[in-house]
Amino acid sequence: MKRTLVLDENDLIMVVKDDVVRQIDEHRGELTRTEFVNYLIQCQLREQQGRQDYVSAAEFKEFSRQMSELVYNFLQFFISYGMTVGPAHQDLDLQQLGAQLETLARYHRDAD
């Protein structure tokens, strides 16, 4: 069963279920139904305005910089590990990692 809820003196109405009207009456305290419903709507709108559901360009740039730095450090670790194993174990893969490390280092310097 639905019930009409008068929202203000200008005869604007909202049709809601009985349980919604009951919840409004239980929680509105000293406010009128109109004041309470307006308050809830304004709170919801303010909350939506403050919410950012996307990444800004600056945040994305910082994320990219940090990821490049992470990959750089990761490759640097493996190259230094390969050097401690000894030159006999260095092969083409390790040389490719070194080249990638240098490329990332240049990219990282250019980004700053």
Protein backbone atom coordinates (compact mmCIF):
# COMPACT_ATOMS: atom_id res chain seq x y z
CA MET A 1 0.00 0.00 0.00
CA LYS A 2 1.34 3.42 -0.96
CA ARG A 3 0.85 6.62 0.92
CA THR A 4 1.12 10.20 -0.22
CA LEU A 5 3.69 12.29 1.61
CA VAL A 6 3.26 16.06 1.35
CA LEU A 7 6.74 17.57 1.07
CA ASP A 8 6.01 21.26 1.37
CA GLU A 9 3.38 23.90 1.46
CA ASN A 10 3.37 24.25 -2.34
CA ASP A 11 1.51 20.95 -2.61
CA LEU A 12 4.45 18.97 -3.95
CA ILE A 13 3.89 15.35 -3.11
CA MET A 14 5.83 12.12 -3.14
CA VAL A 15 4.18 8.72 -3.21
CA VAL A 16 6.00 6.21 -1.05
CA LYS A 17 5.24 2.94 0.69
CA ASP A 18 3.94 2.91 4.25
CA ASP A 19 7.18 1.53 5.63
CA VAL A 20 9.14 4.46 4.16
CA VAL A 21 6.79 6.94 5.84
CA ARG A 22 7.17 4.98 9.09
CA GLN A 23 10.98 5.14 8.83
CA ILE A 24 10.84 8.88 8.14
CA ASP A 25 8.62 9.41 11.18
CA GLU A 26 10.89 7.25 13.38
CA HIS A 27 14.07 9.12 12.46
CA ARG A 28 13.03 12.72 11.84
CA GLY A 29 12.97 13.80 15.48
CA GLU A 30 11.72 17.39 15.77
CA LEU A 31 11.96 18.02 12.02
CA THR A 32 8.90 18.01 9.85
CA ARG A 33 8.68 15.35 7.18
CA THR A 34 9.50 17.97 4.56
CA GLU A 35 12.58 19.22 6.45
CA PHE A 36 13.80 15.69 7.06
CA VAL A 37 13.41 14.52 3.45
CA ASN A 38 15.07 17.73 2.18
CA TYR A 39 17.91 17.21 4.66
CA LEU A 40 18.45 13.61 3.46
CA ILE A 41 18.45 14.69 -0.17
CA GLN A 42 20.92 17.53 0.48
CA CYS A 43 23.25 15.20 2.41
CA GLN A 44 23.19 12.69 -0.42
CA LEU A 45 23.89 15.37 -3.04
CA ARG A 46 26.82 16.79 -1.02
CA GLU A 47 28.27 13.30 -0.62
CA GLN A 48 28.01 12.66 -4.37
CA GLN A 49 29.71 15.97 -5.19
CA GLY A 50 32.68 15.18 -2.96
CA ARG A 51 33.19 11.71 -4.41
CA GLN A 52 35.69 11.26 -7.20
CA ASP A 53 35.21 8.02 -9.14
CA TYR A 54 38.16 8.50 -11.46
CA VAL A 55 41.90 9.00 -11.36
CA SER A 56 43.26 12.46 -12.05
CA ALA A 57 46.05 13.03 -14.56
CA ALA A 58 48.47 13.91 -11.76
CA GLU A 59 47.62 10.71 -9.85
CA PHE A 60 48.09 8.62 -12.99
CA LYS A 61 51.43 10.28 -13.75
CA GLU A 62 52.62 9.61 -10.19
CA PHE A 63 51.46 5.99 -10.46
CA SER A 64 53.35 5.58 -13.76
CA ARG A 65 56.48 7.07 -12.22
CA GLN A 66 56.29 4.73 -9.24
CA MET A 67 55.73 1.69 -11.46
CA SER A 68 58.73 2.63 -13.61
CA GLU A 69 60.79 3.00 -10.47
CA LEU A 70 59.61 -0.40 -9.23
CA VAL A 71 60.51 -2.11 -12.49
CA TYR A 72 63.87 -0.31 -12.51
CA ASN A 73 64.65 -1.53 -8.98
CA PHE A 74 63.46 -5.02 -9.84
CA LEU A 75 65.72 -5.24 -12.89
CA GLN A 76 68.61 -3.69 -10.98
CA PHE A 77 68.29 -6.40 -8.35
CA PHE A 78 68.38 -9.19 -10.91
CA ILE A 79 71.32 -7.69 -12.77
CA SER A 80 73.30 -7.31 -9.55
CA TYR A 81 72.33 -10.87 -8.63
CA GLY A 82 73.57 -12.06 -12.02
CA MET A 83 76.87 -10.29 -11.45
CA THR A 84 77.34 -12.01 -8.10
CA VAL A 85 76.77 -15.40 -9.71
CA GLY A 86 79.76 -14.72 -11.92
CA PRO A 87 80.61 -13.77 -15.47
CA ALA A 88 80.46 -17.40 -16.60
CA HIS A 89 76.69 -17.41 -16.11
CA GLN A 90 75.97 -14.14 -17.87
CA ASP A 91 74.14 -14.77 -21.09
CA LEU A 92 72.05 -12.89 -23.61
CA ASP A 93 69.03 -12.65 -21.28
CA LEU A 94 71.07 -10.83 -18.67
CA GLN A 95 72.40 -8.42 -21.30
CA GLN A 96 68.83 -7.76 -22.44
CA LEU A 97 67.83 -7.02 -18.86
CA GLY A 98 70.72 -4.58 -18.63
CA ALA A 99 69.56 -2.80 -21.77
CA GLN A 100 66.01 -2.60 -20.42
CA LEU A 101 67.34 -1.24 -17.15
CA GLU A 102 69.17 1.51 -18.96
CA THR A 103 66.06 2.34 -20.99
CA LEU A 104 63.96 2.55 -17.85
CA ALA A 105 66.58 4.67 -16.11
CA ARG A 106 66.54 7.15 -19.02
CA TYR A 107 62.73 7.19 -19.05
CA HIS A 108 62.64 7.72 -15.31
CA ARG A 109 65.09 10.67 -15.55
CA ASP A 110 63.17 12.19 -18.46
CA ALA A 111 59.84 11.92 -16.62
CA ASP A 112 61.17 13.91 -13.65
